Amino acid sequence: MVKVISLSNDAYDRLKRRKAENKSFSDVIVELTEKKEKRPLSELFGILKDDPETIKIFKSVVKDRKNIKLRDVKF
């Protein structure tokens, strides 16, 4: 069964950007609305370890942490 829907120009453009040549708009909508299964966070550990931009940011953070000066606080 086919249904007709209306989309704003913005919504259509966003959907069109996600659509590959070999997929229909229906395929894209189904993919976007599928319930994703929950996966353990541990599956993400290390996925960015070889990414040059991540390494650059990490080194910058480490450098900044070494340069901070903590102040003494008395309670």
N, C-alpha and C. Protein backbone atom coordinates (compact mmCIF):
# COMPACT_ATOMS: atom_id res chain seq x y z
N MET A 1 0.84 -1.17 0.00
CA MET A 1 0.00 0.00 0.00
C MET A 1 0.88 1.24 0.00
N VAL A 2 0.56 2.19 -0.80
CA VAL A 2 1.31 3.43 -0.92
C VAL A 2 0.53 4.55 -0.25
N LYS A 3 1.25 5.39 0.51
CA LYS A 3 0.66 6.56 1.16
C LYS A 3 1.38 7.80 0.66
N VAL A 4 0.67 8.88 0.56
CA VAL A 4 1.25 10.15 0.14
C VAL A 4 1.44 11.02 1.38
N ILE A 5 2.63 11.58 1.53
CA ILE A 5 2.89 12.49 2.66
C ILE A 5 3.46 13.79 2.12
N SER A 6 3.35 14.84 2.91
CA SER A 6 3.92 16.14 2.54
C SER A 6 5.09 16.44 3.46
N LEU A 7 6.17 16.97 2.90
CA LEU A 7 7.34 17.36 3.67
C LEU A 7 7.67 18.81 3.37
N SER A 8 8.23 19.48 4.36
CA SER A 8 8.73 20.83 4.09
C SER A 8 9.95 20.69 3.19
N ASN A 9 10.33 21.77 2.55
CA ASN A 9 11.52 21.74 1.69
C ASN A 9 12.76 21.34 2.48
N ASP A 10 12.88 21.84 3.71
CA ASP A 10 14.02 21.51 4.55
C ASP A 10 14.05 20.01 4.86
N ALA A 11 12.90 19.46 5.24
CA ALA A 11 12.83 18.03 5.56
C ALA A 11 13.16 17.18 4.34
N TYR A 12 12.67 17.58 3.19
CA TYR A 12 12.95 16.85 1.95
C TYR A 12 14.44 16.89 1.62
N ASP A 13 15.06 18.07 1.76
CA ASP A 13 16.49 18.20 1.46
C ASP A 13 17.33 17.33 2.40
N ARG A 14 16.96 17.29 3.67
CA ARG A 14 17.70 16.47 4.64
C ARG A 14 17.56 14.99 4.30
N LEU A 15 16.37 14.58 3.95
CA LEU A 15 16.12 13.19 3.59
C LEU A 15 16.88 12.83 2.31
N LYS A 16 16.87 13.73 1.37
CA LYS A 16 17.55 13.49 0.10
C LYS A 16 19.06 13.34 0.28
N ARG A 17 19.65 14.12 1.22
CA ARG A 17 21.09 14.02 1.48
C ARG A 17 21.46 12.65 2.05
N ARG A 18 20.55 12.03 2.79
CA ARG A 18 20.83 10.72 3.39
C ARG A 18 20.57 9.57 2.43
N LYS A 19 19.91 9.85 1.34
CA LYS A 19 19.52 8.81 0.40
C LYS A 19 20.64 8.48 -0.56
N ALA A 20 21.00 7.21 -0.63
CA ALA A 20 21.99 6.75 -1.61
C ALA A 20 21.26 6.49 -2.93
N GLU A 21 22.01 6.40 -4.01
CA GLU A 21 21.39 6.21 -5.32
C GLU A 21 20.58 4.91 -5.42
N ASN A 22 21.03 3.89 -4.72
CA ASN A 22 20.36 2.59 -4.83
C ASN A 22 19.27 2.38 -3.78
N LYS A 23 18.93 3.42 -3.03
CA LYS A 23 17.90 3.31 -1.99
C LYS A 23 16.71 4.19 -2.32
N SER A 24 15.58 3.75 -1.83
CA SER A 24 14.37 4.57 -1.99
C SER A 24 14.23 5.47 -0.75
N PHE A 25 13.36 6.46 -0.86
CA PHE A 25 13.08 7.29 0.31
C PHE A 25 12.47 6.45 1.42
N SER A 26 11.66 5.46 1.06
CA SER A 26 11.08 4.57 2.07
C SER A 26 12.17 3.82 2.83
N ASP A 27 13.19 3.35 2.12
CA ASP A 27 14.30 2.64 2.76
C ASP A 27 15.00 3.55 3.78
N VAL A 28 15.23 4.80 3.39
CA VAL A 28 15.91 5.74 4.28
C VAL A 28 15.07 6.02 5.52
N ILE A 29 13.77 6.21 5.35
CA ILE A 29 12.89 6.48 6.49
C ILE A 29 12.86 5.28 7.43
N VAL A 30 12.79 4.07 6.89
CA VAL A 30 12.80 2.87 7.73
C VAL A 30 14.10 2.79 8.51
N GLU A 31 15.24 3.05 7.86
CA GLU A 31 16.53 3.02 8.56
C GLU A 31 16.59 4.05 9.68
N LEU A 32 16.09 5.25 9.41
CA LEU A 32 16.14 6.32 10.40
C LEU A 32 15.21 6.08 11.59
N THR A 33 14.16 5.31 11.38
CA THR A 33 13.18 5.11 12.45
C THR A 33 13.32 3.76 13.14
N GLU A 34 14.27 2.94 12.68
CA GLU A 34 14.47 1.65 13.34
C GLU A 34 14.98 1.87 14.75
N LYS A 35 14.49 1.05 15.65
CA LYS A 35 14.97 1.13 17.02
C LYS A 35 16.35 0.49 17.07
N LYS A 36 17.30 1.25 17.52
CA LYS A 36 18.67 0.75 17.61
C LYS A 36 18.82 -0.08 18.89
N GLU A 37 19.49 -1.21 18.77
CA GLU A 37 19.70 -2.03 19.95
C GLU A 37 20.79 -1.40 20.81
N LYS A 38 20.62 -1.50 22.10
CA LYS A 38 21.61 -0.94 23.02
C LYS A 38 22.83 -1.84 23.03
N ARG A 39 23.99 -1.21 22.92
CA ARG A 39 25.24 -1.95 22.93
C ARG A 39 26.08 -1.46 24.10
N PRO A 40 26.92 -2.31 24.61
CA PRO A 40 27.76 -1.87 25.74
C PRO A 40 28.73 -0.77 25.32
N LEU A 41 28.96 0.15 26.21
CA LEU A 41 29.87 1.25 25.96
C LEU A 41 31.28 0.74 25.66
N SER A 42 31.62 -0.40 26.21
CA SER A 42 32.97 -0.95 26.03
C SER A 42 33.28 -1.23 24.56
N GLU A 43 32.26 -1.38 23.71
CA GLU A 43 32.49 -1.60 22.29
C GLU A 43 33.12 -0.38 21.62
N LEU A 44 33.00 0.78 22.25
CA LEU A 44 33.54 2.01 21.67
C LEU A 44 34.96 2.32 22.12
N PHE A 45 35.45 1.59 23.12
CA PHE A 45 36.79 1.87 23.64
C PHE A 45 37.83 1.72 22.55
N GLY A 46 38.62 2.75 22.36
CA GLY A 46 39.74 2.70 21.44
C GLY A 46 39.43 2.97 19.98
N ILE A 47 38.19 3.28 19.64
CA ILE A 47 37.88 3.43 18.22
C ILE A 47 38.52 4.67 17.60
N LEU A 48 38.89 5.65 18.42
CA LEU A 48 39.49 6.87 17.89
C LEU A 48 40.99 6.95 18.15
N LYS A 49 41.60 5.86 18.63
CA LYS A 49 43.00 5.91 19.06
C LYS A 49 43.96 6.26 17.93
N ASP A 50 43.63 5.94 16.70
CA ASP A 50 44.52 6.22 15.58
C ASP A 50 44.09 7.43 14.76
N ASP A 51 43.08 8.14 15.22
CA ASP A 51 42.58 9.32 14.51
C ASP A 51 43.50 10.51 14.81
N PRO A 52 44.13 11.10 13.79
CA PRO A 52 45.08 12.20 14.01
C PRO A 52 44.48 13.39 14.76
N GLU A 53 43.25 13.74 14.46
CA GLU A 53 42.62 14.89 15.13
C GLU A 53 42.39 14.59 16.61
N THR A 54 41.99 13.37 16.92
CA THR A 54 41.78 12.98 18.32
C THR A 54 43.10 13.01 19.08
N ILE A 55 44.14 12.51 18.47
CA ILE A 55 45.47 12.50 19.10
C ILE A 55 45.92 13.93 19.38
N LYS A 56 45.71 14.82 18.42
CA LYS A 56 46.09 16.24 18.58
C LYS A 56 45.34 16.86 19.76
N ILE A 57 44.06 16.62 19.85
CA ILE A 57 43.25 17.18 20.94
C ILE A 57 43.69 16.60 22.28
N PHE A 58 43.93 15.28 22.33
CA PHE A 58 44.34 14.63 23.56
C PHE A 58 45.66 15.21 24.06
N LYS A 59 46.63 15.37 23.14
CA LYS A 59 47.93 15.93 23.53
C LYS A 59 47.78 17.35 24.06
N SER A 60 46.89 18.12 23.46
CA SER A 60 46.65 19.49 23.91
C SER A 60 46.05 19.50 25.32
N VAL A 61 45.13 18.59 25.57
CA VAL A 61 44.49 18.51 26.90
C VAL A 61 45.52 18.11 27.95
N VAL A 62 46.35 17.12 27.63
CA VAL A 62 47.39 16.68 28.57
C VAL A 62 48.34 17.84 28.88
N LYS A 63 48.75 18.58 27.85
CA LYS A 63 49.65 19.72 28.04
C LYS A 63 49.00 20.78 28.94
N ASP A 64 47.74 21.09 28.67
CA ASP A 64 47.02 22.09 29.48
C ASP A 64 46.89 21.64 30.93
N ARG A 65 46.65 20.36 31.14
CA ARG A 65 46.51 19.86 32.51
C ARG A 65 47.82 19.98 33.28
N LYS A 66 48.93 19.79 32.60
CA LYS A 66 50.23 19.90 33.26
C LYS A 66 50.54 21.34 33.65
N ASN A 67 49.99 22.29 32.92
CA ASN A 67 50.30 23.70 33.14
C ASN A 67 49.36 24.40 34.13
N ILE A 68 48.31 23.74 34.57
CA ILE A 68 47.42 24.43 35.49
C ILE A 68 48.03 24.49 36.89
N LYS A 69 47.73 25.53 37.58
CA LYS A 69 48.22 25.69 38.94
C LYS A 69 47.00 25.67 39.87
N LEU A 70 47.04 24.76 40.80
CA LEU A 70 45.95 24.65 41.77
C LEU A 70 46.21 25.64 42.90
N ARG A 71 45.16 26.20 43.41
CA ARG A 71 45.32 27.12 44.52
C ARG A 71 44.98 26.40 45.82
N ASP A 72 45.61 26.83 46.86
CA ASP A 72 45.34 26.24 48.17
C ASP A 72 44.02 26.76 48.70
N VAL A 73 43.23 25.86 49.19
CA VAL A 73 41.95 26.23 49.77
C VAL A 73 41.91 25.70 51.21
N LYS A 74 41.55 26.56 52.11
CA LYS A 74 41.44 26.15 53.52
C LYS A 74 39.98 26.09 53.91
N PHE A 75 39.64 25.01 54.54
CA PHE A 75 38.24 24.83 54.99
C PHE A 75 38.13 25.03 56.46
